[in-house]
Amino acid sequence: MLTTMTIKGIHFHAFHGALEVERELGQVLEIDLSLSYDVEPKDLDSEKVPPVADASVYEIVQKVVMTTKFKAMEGLALEIARRLIKAYGVVELVTVVIRRRQLFIPGDVQSAEVEITVDREDLGE
């Protein structure tokens, strides 16, 4: 049975981006995640630990966002997806959305975002 865990609205003040000002002053990144995996109904009784834990997903994302530097948001999203797939052997597909609301561009823009979907086969696993 395909199961998808979704975590929305994770916020970090981080120092990623193509512009020097983004890397020096930083900006708030909002991250949404979806992790898809198969679960057998027999594994869903009340005594079993879930195969994917939201707290540890958060910790993995936090470590990537706060300890790496990417000029391209796509690269950051890909690294998050890679680490989640490697951390959870049951996860087959990860979608990462990174949204930026503090844009250093002239004009009235609500936000810019990238979305990347990676499956285990994309990583050669």
PDB file of N, CA and C in Angstrom:
ATOM      1  N   MET A   1       0.852  -1.161   0.000  1.00  0.00           N
ATOM      2  CA  MET A   1       0.000   0.000   0.000  1.00  0.00           C
ATOM      3  C   MET A   1       0.906   1.235   0.000  1.00  0.00           C
ATOM      4  N   LEU A   2       0.734   2.076  -0.999  1.00  0.00           N
ATOM      5  CA  LEU A   2       1.555   3.276  -1.100  1.00  0.00           C
ATOM      6  C   LEU A   2       1.117   4.288  -0.053  1.00  0.00           C
ATOM      7  N   THR A   3       2.089   4.797   0.678  1.00  0.00           N
ATOM      8  CA  THR A   3       1.857   5.793   1.717  1.00  0.00           C
ATOM      9  C   THR A   3       2.721   7.002   1.412  1.00  0.00           C
ATOM     10  N   THR A   4       2.181   8.184   1.632  1.00  0.00           N
ATOM     11  CA  THR A   4       2.960   9.402   1.444  1.00  0.00           C
ATOM     12  C   THR A   4       2.887  10.239   2.707  1.00  0.00           C
ATOM     13  N   MET A   5       4.059  10.548   3.262  1.00  0.00           N
ATOM     14  CA  MET A   5       4.153  11.471   4.384  1.00  0.00           C
ATOM     15  C   MET A   5       4.470  12.844   3.802  1.00  0.00           C
ATOM     16  N   THR A   6       3.713  13.847   4.212  1.00  0.00           N
ATOM     17  CA  THR A   6       3.949  15.211   3.750  1.00  0.00           C
ATOM     18  C   THR A   6       4.214  16.096   4.954  1.00  0.00           C
ATOM     19  N   ILE A   7       5.263  16.880   4.866  1.00  0.00           N
ATOM     20  CA  ILE A   7       5.584  17.878   5.887  1.00  0.00           C
ATOM     21  C   ILE A   7       5.653  19.210   5.156  1.00  0.00           C
ATOM     22  N   LYS A   8       4.882  20.180   5.623  1.00  0.00           N
ATOM     23  CA  LYS A   8       4.814  21.469   4.931  1.00  0.00           C
ATOM     24  C   LYS A   8       5.233  22.612   5.843  1.00  0.00           C
ATOM     25  N   GLY A   9       5.880  23.590   5.228  1.00  0.00           N
ATOM     26  CA  GLY A   9       6.164  24.839   5.920  1.00  0.00           C
ATOM     27  C   GLY A   9       7.318  24.793   6.902  1.00  0.00           C
ATOM     28  N   ILE A  10       8.349  24.019   6.607  1.00  0.00           N
ATOM     29  CA  ILE A  10       9.553  24.041   7.438  1.00  0.00           C
ATOM     30  C   ILE A  10      10.304  25.329   7.091  1.00  0.00           C
ATOM     31  N   HIS A  11      10.660  26.126   8.095  1.00  0.00           N
ATOM     32  CA  HIS A  11      11.335  27.406   7.852  1.00  0.00           C
ATOM     33  C   HIS A  11      12.754  27.399   8.420  1.00  0.00           C
ATOM     34  N   PHE A  12      13.664  27.911   7.610  1.00  0.00           N
ATOM     35  CA  PHE A  12      15.050  28.101   8.039  1.00  0.00           C
ATOM     36  C   PHE A  12      15.532  29.450   7.522  1.00  0.00           C
ATOM     37  N   HIS A  13      16.313  30.148   8.314  1.00  0.00           N
ATOM     38  CA  HIS A  13      17.044  31.309   7.806  1.00  0.00           C
ATOM     39  C   HIS A  13      18.401  30.756   7.378  1.00  0.00           C
ATOM     40  N   ALA A  14      18.645  30.762   6.072  1.00  0.00           N
ATOM     41  CA  ALA A  14      19.837  30.093   5.538  1.00  0.00           C
ATOM     42  C   ALA A  14      20.527  30.982   4.510  1.00  0.00           C
ATOM     43  N   PHE A  15      21.689  30.538   4.067  1.00  0.00           N
ATOM     44  CA  PHE A  15      22.576  31.366   3.250  1.00  0.00           C
ATOM     45  C   PHE A  15      22.870  30.715   1.904  1.00  0.00           C
ATOM     46  N   HIS A  16      21.823  30.407   1.165  1.00  0.00           N
ATOM     47  CA  HIS A  16      21.927  29.810  -0.162  1.00  0.00           C
ATOM     48  C   HIS A  16      21.433  30.823  -1.184  1.00  0.00           C
ATOM     49  N   GLY A  17      21.881  30.677  -2.430  1.00  0.00           N
ATOM     50  CA  GLY A  17      21.354  31.516  -3.498  1.00  0.00           C
ATOM     51  C   GLY A  17      22.413  31.917  -4.495  1.00  0.00           C
ATOM     52  N   ALA A  18      21.956  32.335  -5.653  1.00  0.00           N
ATOM     53  CA  ALA A  18      22.856  32.723  -6.736  1.00  0.00           C
ATOM     54  C   ALA A  18      23.474  34.097  -6.497  1.00  0.00           C
ATOM     55  N   LEU A  19      22.769  34.957  -5.777  1.00  0.00           N
ATOM     56  CA  LEU A  19      23.264  36.311  -5.536  1.00  0.00           C
ATOM     57  C   LEU A  19      24.125  36.362  -4.280  1.00  0.00           C
ATOM     58  N   GLU A  20      25.149  37.186  -4.336  1.00  0.00           N
ATOM     59  CA  GLU A  20      26.042  37.333  -3.183  1.00  0.00           C
ATOM     60  C   GLU A  20      25.274  37.806  -1.949  1.00  0.00           C
ATOM     61  N   VAL A  21      24.330  38.715  -2.129  1.00  0.00           N
ATOM     62  CA  VAL A  21      23.550  39.227  -1.008  1.00  0.00           C
ATOM     63  C   VAL A  21      22.751  38.104  -0.333  1.00  0.00           C
ATOM     64  N   GLU A  22      22.284  37.138  -1.105  1.00  0.00           N
ATOM     65  CA  GLU A  22      21.550  36.006  -0.532  1.00  0.00           C
ATOM     66  C   GLU A  22      22.460  35.150   0.341  1.00  0.00           C
ATOM     67  N   ARG A  23      23.695  35.009  -0.097  1.00  0.00           N
ATOM     68  CA  ARG A  23      24.645  34.179   0.648  1.00  0.00           C
ATOM     69  C   ARG A  23      25.233  34.918   1.851  1.00  0.00           C
ATOM     70  N   GLU A  24      25.242  36.260   1.821  1.00  0.00           N
ATOM     71  CA  GLU A  24      25.786  37.032   2.939  1.00  0.00           C
ATOM     72  C   GLU A  24      24.731  37.354   3.996  1.00  0.00           C
ATOM     73  N   LEU A  25      23.593  37.876   3.563  1.00  0.00           N
ATOM     74  CA  LEU A  25      22.538  38.249   4.508  1.00  0.00           C
ATOM     75  C   LEU A  25      21.622  37.086   4.852  1.00  0.00           C
ATOM     76  N   GLY A  26      21.543  36.153   3.949  1.00  0.00           N
ATOM     77  CA  GLY A  26      20.647  35.022   4.137  1.00  0.00           C
ATOM     78  C   GLY A  26      19.213  35.392   3.803  1.00  0.00           C
ATOM     79  N   GLN A  27      18.361  34.400   3.865  1.00  0.00           N
ATOM     80  CA  GLN A  27      16.946  34.586   3.582  1.00  0.00           C
ATOM     81  C   GLN A  27      16.186  33.424   4.206  1.00  0.00           C
ATOM     82  N   VAL A  28      14.904  33.628   4.397  1.00  0.00           N
ATOM     83  CA  VAL A  28      14.071  32.561   4.938  1.00  0.00           C
ATOM     84  C   VAL A  28      13.664  31.640   3.795  1.00  0.00           C
ATOM     85  N   LEU A  29      13.954  30.366   3.972  1.00  0.00           N
ATOM     86  CA  LEU A  29      13.526  29.344   3.026  1.00  0.00           C
ATOM     87  C   LEU A  29      12.377  28.574   3.657  1.00  0.00           C
ATOM     88  N   GLU A  30      11.355  28.328   2.876  1.00  0.00           N
ATOM     89  CA  GLU A  30      10.224  27.511   3.319  1.00  0.00           C
ATOM     90  C   GLU A  30      10.265  26.220   2.513  1.00  0.00           C
ATOM     91  N   ILE A  31      10.268  25.092   3.200  1.00  0.00           N
ATOM     92  CA  ILE A  31      10.449  23.799   2.543  1.00  0.00           C
ATOM     93  C   ILE A  31       9.246  22.904   2.809  1.00  0.00           C
ATOM     94  N   ASP A  32       8.753  22.299   1.733  1.00  0.00           N
ATOM     95  CA  ASP A  32       7.704  21.282   1.810  1.00  0.00           C
ATOM     96  C   ASP A  32       8.298  19.967   1.318  1.00  0.00           C
ATOM     97  N   LEU A  33       7.908  18.874   1.948  1.00  0.00           N
ATOM     98  CA  LEU A  33       8.429  17.554   1.595  1.00  0.00           C
ATOM     99  C   LEU A  33       7.298  16.550   1.438  1.00  0.00           C
ATOM    100  N   SER A  34       7.482  15.626   0.516  1.00  0.00           N
ATOM    101  CA  SER A  34       6.627  14.445   0.417  1.00  0.00           C
ATOM    102  C   SER A  34       7.534  13.238   0.252  1.00  0.00           C
ATOM    103  N   LEU A  35       7.346  12.237   1.090  1.00  0.00           N
ATOM    104  CA  LEU A  35       8.119  11.003   1.030  1.00  0.00           C
ATOM    105  C   LEU A  35       7.144   9.856   0.803  1.00  0.00           C
ATOM    106  N   SER A  36       7.338   9.099  -0.273  1.00  0.00           N
ATOM    107  CA  SER A  36       6.437   7.991  -0.605  1.00  0.00           C
ATOM    108  C   SER A  36       7.129   6.658  -0.382  1.00  0.00           C
ATOM    109  N   TYR A  37       6.374   5.728   0.207  1.00  0.00           N
ATOM    110  CA  TYR A  37       6.927   4.412   0.523  1.00  0.00           C
ATOM    111  C   TYR A  37       5.786   3.410   0.630  1.00  0.00           C
ATOM    112  N   ASP A  38       6.125   2.146   0.466  1.00  0.00           N
ATOM    113  CA  ASP A  38       5.139   1.075   0.592  1.00  0.00           C
ATOM    114  C   ASP A  38       5.088   0.584   2.029  1.00  0.00           C
ATOM    115  N   VAL A  39       3.884   0.356   2.488  1.00  0.00           N
ATOM    116  CA  VAL A  39       3.666  -0.195   3.823  1.00  0.00           C
ATOM    117  C   VAL A  39       2.637  -1.310   3.699  1.00  0.00           C
ATOM    118  N   GLU A  40       2.907  -2.413   4.343  1.00  0.00           N
ATOM    119  CA  GLU A  40       1.953  -3.520   4.392  1.00  0.00           C
ATOM    120  C   GLU A  40       0.934  -3.228   5.495  1.00  0.00           C
ATOM    121  N   PRO A  41      -0.343  -3.506   5.252  1.00  0.00           N
ATOM    122  CA  PRO A  41      -1.358  -3.265   6.281  1.00  0.00           C
ATOM    123  C   PRO A  41      -1.021  -3.929   7.620  1.00  0.00           C
ATOM    124  N   LYS A  42      -0.405  -5.101   7.579  1.00  0.00           N
ATOM    125  CA  LYS A  42      -0.050  -5.800   8.825  1.00  0.00           C
ATOM    126  C   LYS A  42       0.984  -5.027   9.642  1.00  0.00           C
ATOM    127  N   ASP A  43       1.698  -4.091   8.995  1.00  0.00           N
ATOM    128  CA  ASP A  43       2.715  -3.305   9.696  1.00  0.00           C
ATOM    129  C   ASP A  43       2.160  -2.017  10.302  1.00  0.00           C
ATOM    130  N   LEU A  44       0.844  -1.854  10.259  1.00  0.00           N
ATOM    131  CA  LEU A  44       0.246  -0.611  10.732  1.00  0.00           C
ATOM    132  C   LEU A  44      -0.483  -0.748  12.060  1.00  0.00           C
ATOM    133  N   ASP A  45      -0.246  -1.832  12.790  1.00  0.00           N
ATOM    134  CA  ASP A  45      -0.937  -1.944  14.068  1.00  0.00           C
ATOM    135  C   ASP A  45      -0.361  -0.932  15.057  1.00  0.00           C
ATOM    136  N   SER A  46      -1.071  -0.739  16.145  1.00  0.00           N
ATOM    137  CA  SER A  46      -0.745   0.345  17.076  1.00  0.00           C
ATOM    138  C   SER A  46       0.578   0.165  17.811  1.00  0.00           C
ATOM    139  N   GLU A  47       1.148  -1.010  17.777  1.00  0.00           N
ATOM    140  CA  GLU A  47       2.385  -1.271  18.506  1.00  0.00           C
ATOM    141  C   GLU A  47       3.646  -1.050  17.673  1.00  0.00           C
ATOM    142  N   LYS A  48       3.499  -0.857  16.387  1.00  0.00           N
ATOM    143  CA  LYS A  48       4.674  -0.753  15.511  1.00  0.00           C
ATOM    144  C   LYS A  48       5.132   0.693  15.376  1.00  0.00           C
ATOM    145  N   VAL A  49       6.427   0.845  15.267  1.00  0.00           N
ATOM    146  CA  VAL A  49       7.026   2.155  15.028  1.00  0.00           C
ATOM    147  C   VAL A  49       6.859   2.484  13.548  1.00  0.00           C
ATOM    148  N   PRO A  50       6.466   3.716  13.209  1.00  0.00           N
ATOM    149  CA  PRO A  50       6.310   4.046  11.788  1.00  0.00           C
ATOM    150  C   PRO A  50       7.648   3.961  11.055  1.00  0.00           C
ATOM    151  N   PRO A  51       7.618   3.563   9.781  1.00  0.00           N
ATOM    152  CA  PRO A  51       8.869   3.405   9.036  1.00  0.00           C
ATOM    153  C   PRO A  51       9.580   4.717   8.743  1.00  0.00           C
ATOM    154  N   VAL A  52       8.859   5.825   8.781  1.00  0.00           N
ATOM    155  CA  VAL A  52       9.449   7.144   8.548  1.00  0.00           C
ATOM    156  C   VAL A  52       8.966   8.058   9.670  1.00  0.00           C
ATOM    157  N   ALA A  53       9.902   8.664  10.389  1.00  0.00           N
ATOM    158  CA  ALA A  53       9.558   9.507  11.531  1.00  0.00           C
ATOM    159  C   ALA A  53       9.753  10.978  11.177  1.00  0.00           C
ATOM    160  N   ASP A  54       8.714  11.782  11.395  1.00  0.00           N
ATOM    161  CA  ASP A  54       8.794  13.180  10.990  1.00  0.00           C
ATOM    162  C   ASP A  54       9.892  13.958  11.712  1.00  0.00           C
ATOM    163  N   ALA A  55      10.158  13.650  12.962  1.00  0.00           N
ATOM    164  CA  ALA A  55      11.211  14.367  13.689  1.00  0.00           C
ATOM    165  C   ALA A  55      12.586  14.113  13.079  1.00  0.00           C
ATOM    166  N   SER A  56      12.866  12.878  12.698  1.00  0.00           N
ATOM    167  CA  SER A  56      14.178  12.604  12.100  1.00  0.00           C
ATOM    168  C   SER A  56      14.261  13.135  10.672  1.00  0.00           C
ATOM    169  N   VAL A  57      13.128  13.188   9.955  1.00  0.00           N
ATOM    170  CA  VAL A  57      13.115  13.828   8.635  1.00  0.00           C
ATOM    171  C   VAL A  57      13.518  15.290   8.793  1.00  0.00           C
ATOM    172  N   TYR A  58      12.923  15.966   9.763  1.00  0.00           N
ATOM    173  CA  TYR A  58      13.262  17.367  10.030  1.00  0.00           C
ATOM    174  C   TYR A  58      14.750  17.526  10.323  1.00  0.00           C
ATOM    175  N   GLU A  59      15.291  16.665  11.162  1.00  0.00           N
ATOM    176  CA  GLU A  59      16.710  16.762  11.518  1.00  0.00           C
ATOM    177  C   GLU A  59      17.615  16.610  10.300  1.00  0.00           C
ATOM    178  N   ILE A  60      17.275  15.707   9.395  1.00  0.00           N
ATOM    179  CA  ILE A  60      18.070  15.519   8.177  1.00  0.00           C
ATOM    180  C   ILE A  60      18.014  16.780   7.323  1.00  0.00           C
ATOM    181  N   VAL A  61      16.818  17.319   7.135  1.00  0.00           N
ATOM    182  CA  VAL A  61      16.664  18.533   6.327  1.00  0.00           C
ATOM    183  C   VAL A  61      17.417  19.693   6.971  1.00  0.00           C
ATOM    184  N   GLN A  62      17.280  19.843   8.271  1.00  0.00           N
ATOM    185  CA  GLN A  62      17.973  20.916   8.984  1.00  0.00           C
ATOM    186  C   GLN A  62      19.481  20.824   8.792  1.00  0.00           C
ATOM    187  N   LYS A  63      20.030  19.629   8.905  1.00  0.00           N
ATOM    188  CA  LYS A  63      21.470  19.458   8.742  1.00  0.00           C
ATOM    189  C   LYS A  63      21.916  19.867   7.342  1.00  0.00           C
ATOM    190  N   VAL A  64      21.180  19.458   6.319  1.00  0.00           N
ATOM    191  CA  VAL A  64      21.546  19.816   4.943  1.00  0.00           C
ATOM    192  C   VAL A  64      21.468  21.327   4.750  1.00  0.00           C
ATOM    193  N   VAL A  65      20.359  21.919   5.162  1.00  0.00           N
ATOM    194  CA  VAL A  65      20.146  23.351   4.922  1.00  0.00           C
ATOM    195  C   VAL A  65      21.160  24.203   5.676  1.00  0.00           C
ATOM    196  N   MET A  66      21.481  23.816   6.891  1.00  0.00           N
ATOM    197  CA  MET A  66      22.319  24.663   7.736  1.00  0.00           C
ATOM    198  C   MET A  66      23.816  24.385   7.627  1.00  0.00           C
ATOM    199  N   THR A  67      24.221  23.289   6.998  1.00  0.00           N
ATOM    200  CA  THR A  67      25.660  22.979   6.939  1.00  0.00           C
ATOM    201  C   THR A  67      26.218  22.939   5.526  1.00  0.00           C
ATOM    202  N   THR A  68      25.395  23.185   4.527  1.00  0.00           N
ATOM    203  CA  THR A  68      25.881  23.198   3.147  1.00  0.00           C
ATOM    204  C   THR A  68      25.599  24.563   2.542  1.00  0.00           C
ATOM    205  N   LYS A  69      26.200  24.825   1.388  1.00  0.00           N
ATOM    206  CA  LYS A  69      25.960  26.076   0.663  1.00  0.00           C
ATOM    207  C   LYS A  69      25.742  25.752  -0.805  1.00  0.00           C
ATOM    208  N   PHE A  70      24.614  26.184  -1.338  1.00  0.00           N
ATOM    209  CA  PHE A  70      24.303  25.982  -2.749  1.00  0.00           C
ATOM    210  C   PHE A  70      23.927  27.312  -3.381  1.00  0.00           C
ATOM    211  N   LYS A  71      24.430  27.554  -4.572  1.00  0.00           N
ATOM    212  CA  LYS A  71      23.996  28.728  -5.329  1.00  0.00           C
ATOM    213  C   LYS A  71      22.655  28.455  -5.996  1.00  0.00           C
ATOM    214  N   ALA A  72      22.429  27.213  -6.399  1.00  0.00           N
ATOM    215  CA  ALA A  72      21.174  26.838  -7.059  1.00  0.00           C
ATOM    216  C   ALA A  72      20.256  26.143  -6.056  1.00  0.00           C
ATOM    217  N   MET A  73      19.049  26.623  -5.932  1.00  0.00           N
ATOM    218  CA  MET A  73      18.076  25.989  -5.045  1.00  0.00           C
ATOM    219  C   MET A  73      17.795  24.555  -5.481  1.00  0.00           C
ATOM    220  N   GLU A  74      17.895  24.294  -6.788  1.00  0.00           N
ATOM    221  CA  GLU A  74      17.697  22.933  -7.289  1.00  0.00           C
ATOM    222  C   GLU A  74      18.730  21.979  -6.689  1.00  0.00           C
ATOM    223  N   GLY A  75      19.966  22.457  -6.541  1.00  0.00           N
ATOM    224  CA  GLY A  75      21.014  21.638  -5.934  1.00  0.00           C
ATOM    225  C   GLY A  75      20.725  21.339  -4.474  1.00  0.00           C
ATOM    226  N   LEU A  76      20.247  22.335  -3.752  1.00  0.00           N
ATOM    227  CA  LEU A  76      19.870  22.132  -2.352  1.00  0.00           C
ATOM    228  C   LEU A  76      18.722  21.129  -2.247  1.00  0.00           C
ATOM    229  N   ALA A  77      17.717  21.279  -3.094  1.00  0.00           N
ATOM    230  CA  ALA A  77      16.580  20.353  -3.079  1.00  0.00           C
ATOM    231  C   ALA A  77      17.024  18.927  -3.393  1.00  0.00           C
ATOM    232  N   LEU A  78      17.910  18.785  -4.368  1.00  0.00           N
ATOM    233  CA  LEU A  78      18.412  17.455  -4.729  1.00  0.00           C
ATOM    234  C   LEU A  78      19.175  16.825  -3.570  1.00  0.00           C
ATOM    235  N   GLU A  79      20.001  17.601  -2.893  1.00  0.00           N
ATOM    236  CA  GLU A  79      20.763  17.053  -1.761  1.00  0.00           C
ATOM    237  C   GLU A  79      19.833  16.618  -0.627  1.00  0.00           C
ATOM    238  N   ILE A  80      18.797  17.387  -0.364  1.00  0.00           N
ATOM    239  CA  ILE A  80      17.814  16.990   0.651  1.00  0.00           C
ATOM    240  C   ILE A  80      17.169  15.664   0.258  1.00  0.00           C
ATOM    241  N   ALA A  81      16.736  15.556  -0.994  1.00  0.00           N
ATOM    242  CA  ALA A  81      16.099  14.317  -1.465  1.00  0.00           C
ATOM    243  C   ALA A  81      17.056  13.135  -1.362  1.00  0.00           C
ATOM    244  N   ARG A  82      18.298  13.328  -1.780  1.00  0.00           N
ATOM    245  CA  ARG A  82      19.304  12.248  -1.698  1.00  0.00           C
ATOM    246  C   ARG A  82      19.463  11.742  -0.273  1.00  0.00           C
ATOM    247  N   ARG A  83      19.634  12.671   0.646  1.00  0.00           N
ATOM    248  CA  ARG A  83      19.879  12.268   2.036  1.00  0.00           C
ATOM    249  C   ARG A  83      18.674  11.557   2.640  1.00  0.00           C
ATOM    250  N   LEU A  84      17.476  11.986   2.287  1.00  0.00           N
ATOM    251  CA  LEU A  84      16.282  11.317   2.811  1.00  0.00           C
ATOM    252  C   LEU A  84      16.142   9.911   2.248  1.00  0.00           C
ATOM    253  N   ILE A  85      16.402   9.747   0.960  1.00  0.00           N
ATOM    254  CA  ILE A  85      16.323   8.415   0.354  1.00  0.00           C
ATOM    255  C   ILE A  85      17.375   7.494   0.957  1.00  0.00           C
ATOM    256  N   LYS A  86      18.573   8.012   1.186  1.00  0.00           N
ATOM    257  CA  LYS A  86      19.633   7.182   1.784  1.00  0.00           C
ATOM    258  C   LYS A  86      19.337   6.842   3.238  1.00  0.00           C
ATOM    259  N   ALA A  87      18.693   7.747   3.957  1.00  0.00           N
ATOM    260  CA  ALA A  87      18.404   7.517   5.376  1.00  0.00           C
ATOM    261  C   ALA A  87      17.292   6.497   5.594  1.00  0.00           C
ATOM    262  N   TYR A  88      16.373   6.421   4.644  1.00  0.00           N
ATOM    263  CA  TYR A  88      15.212   5.544   4.794  1.00  0.00           C
ATOM    264  C   TYR A  88      15.171   4.551   3.650  1.00  0.00           C
ATOM    265  N   GLY A  89      15.498   3.313   3.940  1.00  0.00           N
ATOM    266  CA  GLY A  89      15.503   2.276   2.919  1.00  0.00           C
ATOM    267  C   GLY A  89      14.139   2.006   2.303  1.00  0.00           C
ATOM    268  N   VAL A  90      13.063   2.367   3.008  1.00  0.00           N
ATOM    269  CA  VAL A  90      11.717   2.120   2.487  1.00  0.00           C
ATOM    270  C   VAL A  90      11.238   3.215   1.537  1.00  0.00           C
ATOM    271  N   VAL A  91      11.852   4.384   1.600  1.00  0.00           N
ATOM    272  CA  VAL A  91      11.390   5.521   0.790  1.00  0.00           C
ATOM    273  C   VAL A  91      11.802   5.321  -0.659  1.00  0.00           C
ATOM    274  N   GLU A  92      10.823   5.403  -1.551  1.00  0.00           N
ATOM    275  CA  GLU A  92      11.070   5.230  -2.984  1.00  0.00           C
ATOM    276  C   GLU A  92      11.065   6.545  -3.745  1.00  0.00           C
ATOM    277  N   LEU A  93      10.359   7.538  -3.246  1.00  0.00           N
ATOM    278  CA  LEU A  93      10.172   8.785  -3.980  1.00  0.00           C
ATOM    279  C   LEU A  93      10.121   9.945  -2.999  1.00  0.00           C
ATOM    280  N   VAL A  94      10.865  11.016  -3.306  1.00  0.00           N
ATOM    281  CA  VAL A  94      10.862  12.218  -2.470  1.00  0.00           C
ATOM    282  C   VAL A  94      10.625  13.429  -3.360  1.00  0.00           C
ATOM    283  N   THR A  95       9.706  14.278  -2.944  1.00  0.00           N
ATOM    284  CA  THR A  95       9.499  15.566  -3.601  1.00  0.00           C
ATOM    285  C   THR A  95       9.863  16.656  -2.604  1.00  0.00           C
ATOM    286  N   VAL A  96      10.690  17.597  -3.051  1.00  0.00           N
ATOM    287  CA  VAL A  96      11.124  18.717  -2.224  1.00  0.00           C
ATOM    288  C   VAL A  96      10.725  20.006  -2.933  1.00  0.00           C
ATOM    289  N   VAL A  97      10.043  20.879  -2.219  1.00  0.00           N
ATOM    290  CA  VAL A  97       9.721  22.214  -2.720  1.00  0.00           C
ATOM    291  C   VAL A  97      10.439  23.210  -1.821  1.00  0.00           C
ATOM    292  N   ILE A  98      11.206  24.114  -2.425  1.00  0.00           N
ATOM    293  CA  ILE A  98      11.863  25.184  -1.675  1.00  0.00           C
ATOM    294  C   ILE A  98      11.288  26.503  -2.178  1.00  0.00           C
ATOM    295  N   ARG A  99      10.733  27.246  -1.243  1.00  0.00           N
ATOM    296  CA  ARG A  99      10.068  28.510  -1.562  1.00  0.00           C
ATOM    297  C   ARG A  99      10.836  29.657  -0.901  1.00  0.00           C
ATOM    298  N   ARG A 100      11.040  30.713  -1.681  1.00  0.00           N
ATOM    299  CA  ARG A 100      11.685  31.927  -1.168  1.00  0.00           C
ATOM    300  C   ARG A 100      10.695  33.078  -1.295  1.00  0.00           C
ATOM    301  N   ARG A 101      10.465  33.771  -0.196  1.00  0.00           N
ATOM    302  CA  ARG A 101       9.536  34.904  -0.213  1.00  0.00           C
ATOM    303  C   ARG A 101      10.267  36.243  -0.159  1.00  0.00           C
ATOM    304  N   GLN A 102      11.527  36.237   0.234  1.00  0.00           N
ATOM    305  CA  GLN A 102      12.328  37.463   0.294  1.00  0.00           C
ATOM    306  C   GLN A 102      13.211  37.501  -0.947  1.00  0.00           C
ATOM    307  N   LEU A 103      12.669  38.038  -2.009  1.00  0.00           N
ATOM    308  CA  LEU A 103      13.394  38.029  -3.274  1.00  0.00           C
ATOM    309  C   LEU A 103      14.143  39.339  -3.466  1.00  0.00           C
ATOM    310  N   PHE A 104      15.365  39.222  -3.892  1.00  0.00           N
ATOM    311  CA  PHE A 104      16.197  40.390  -4.148  1.00  0.00           C
ATOM    312  C   PHE A 104      16.097  40.760  -5.626  1.00  0.00           C
ATOM    313  N   ILE A 105      14.874  41.063  -6.050  1.00  0.00           N
ATOM    314  CA  ILE A 105      14.637  41.468  -7.432  1.00  0.00           C
ATOM    315  C   ILE A 105      13.718  42.685  -7.417  1.00  0.00           C
ATOM    316  N   PRO A 106      13.856  43.551  -8.422  1.00  0.00           N
ATOM    317  CA  PRO A 106      12.944  44.692  -8.476  1.00  0.00           C
ATOM    318  C   PRO A 106      11.579  44.218  -8.977  1.00  0.00           C
ATOM    319  N   GLY A 107      10.563  44.535  -8.255  1.00  0.00           N
ATOM    320  CA  GLY A 107       9.231  44.124  -8.673  1.00  0.00           C
ATOM    321  C   GLY A 107       8.463  43.497  -7.534  1.00  0.00           C
ATOM    322  N   ASP A 108       7.176  43.415  -7.711  1.00  0.00           N
ATOM    323  CA  ASP A 108       6.279  42.874  -6.703  1.00  0.00           C
ATOM    324  C   ASP A 108       6.024  41.400  -7.005  1.00  0.00           C
ATOM    325  N   VAL A 109       6.720  40.537  -6.288  1.00  0.00           N
ATOM    326  CA  VAL A 109       6.613  39.094  -6.493  1.00  0.00           C
ATOM    327  C   VAL A 109       6.348  38.450  -5.135  1.00  0.00           C
ATOM    328  N   GLN A 110       5.350  37.597  -5.072  1.00  0.00           N
ATOM    329  CA  GLN A 110       5.007  36.948  -3.809  1.00  0.00           C
ATOM    330  C   GLN A 110       6.071  35.946  -3.381  1.00  0.00           C
ATOM    331  N   SER A 111       6.505  35.093  -4.313  1.00  0.00           N
ATOM    332  CA  SER A 111       7.498  34.080  -3.967  1.00  0.00           C
ATOM    333  C   SER A 111       8.057  33.455  -5.235  1.00  0.00           C
ATOM    334  N   ALA A 112       9.164  32.761  -5.055  1.00  0.00           N
ATOM    335  CA  ALA A 112       9.746  31.931  -6.115  1.00  0.00           C
ATOM    336  C   ALA A 112      10.021  30.577  -5.483  1.00  0.00           C
ATOM    337  N   GLU A 113       9.805  29.519  -6.248  1.00  0.00           N
ATOM    338  CA  GLU A 113      10.045  28.197  -5.689  1.00  0.00           C
ATOM    339  C   GLU A 113      10.557  27.243  -6.750  1.00  0.00           C
ATOM    340  N   VAL A 114      11.273  26.245  -6.260  1.00  0.00           N
ATOM    341  CA  VAL A 114      11.684  25.136  -7.114  1.00  0.00           C
ATOM    342  C   VAL A 114      11.080  23.874  -6.518  1.00  0.00           C
ATOM    343  N   GLU A 115      10.787  22.931  -7.384  1.00  0.00           N
ATOM    344  CA  GLU A 115      10.260  21.637  -6.956  1.00  0.00           C
ATOM    345  C   GLU A 115      11.027  20.560  -7.696  1.00  0.00           C
ATOM    346  N   ILE A 116      11.503  19.590  -6.945  1.00  0.00           N
ATOM    347  CA  ILE A 116      12.241  18.481  -7.549  1.00  0.00           C
ATOM    348  C   ILE A 116      11.687  17.178  -6.984  1.00  0.00           C
ATOM    349  N   THR A 117      11.527  16.199  -7.855  1.00  0.00           N
ATOM    350  CA  THR A 117      11.085  14.871  -7.441  1.00  0.00           C
ATOM    351  C   THR A 117      12.161  13.876  -7.831  1.00  0.00           C
ATOM    352  N   VAL A 118      12.597  13.092  -6.858  1.00  0.00           N
ATOM    353  CA  VAL A 118      13.680  12.132  -7.054  1.00  0.00           C
ATOM    354  C   VAL A 118      13.197  10.769  -6.585  1.00  0.00           C
ATOM    355  N   ASP A 119      13.428   9.738  -7.405  1.00  0.00           N
ATOM    356  CA  ASP A 119      13.140   8.391  -6.924  1.00  0.00           C
ATOM    357  C   ASP A 119      14.456   7.637  -6.740  1.00  0.00           C
ATOM    358  N   ARG A 120      14.356   6.531  -6.063  1.00  0.00           N
ATOM    359  CA  ARG A 120      15.546   5.747  -5.721  1.00  0.00           C
ATOM    360  C   ARG A 120      16.344   5.384  -6.968  1.00  0.00           C
ATOM    361  N   GLU A 121      15.672   5.087  -8.072  1.00  0.00           N
ATOM    362  CA  GLU A 121      16.362   4.734  -9.318  1.00  0.00           C
ATOM    363  C   GLU A 121      17.184   5.898  -9.862  1.00  0.00           C
ATOM    364  N   ASP A 122      16.722   7.142  -9.661  1.00  0.00           N
ATOM    365  CA  ASP A 122      17.481   8.313 -10.107  1.00  0.00           C
ATOM    366  C   ASP A 122      18.862   8.357  -9.462  1.00  0.00           C
ATOM    367  N   LEU A 123      18.959   7.796  -8.269  1.00  0.00           N
ATOM    368  CA  LEU A 123      20.225   7.802  -7.533  1.00  0.00           C
ATOM    369  C   LEU A 123      21.029   6.535  -7.766  1.00  0.00           C
ATOM    370  N   GLY A 124      20.511   5.646  -8.609  1.00  0.00           N
ATOM    371  CA  GLY A 124      21.219   4.405  -8.899  1.00  0.00           C
ATOM    372  C   GLY A 124      21.172   3.410  -7.762  1.00  0.00           C
ATOM    373  N   GLU A 125      20.150   3.496  -6.955  1.00  0.00           N
ATOM    374  CA  GLU A 125      20.041   2.573  -5.810  1.00  0.00           C
ATOM    375  C   GLU A 125      18.933   1.577  -6.032  1.00  0.00           C
TER     376      GLU A 125
END
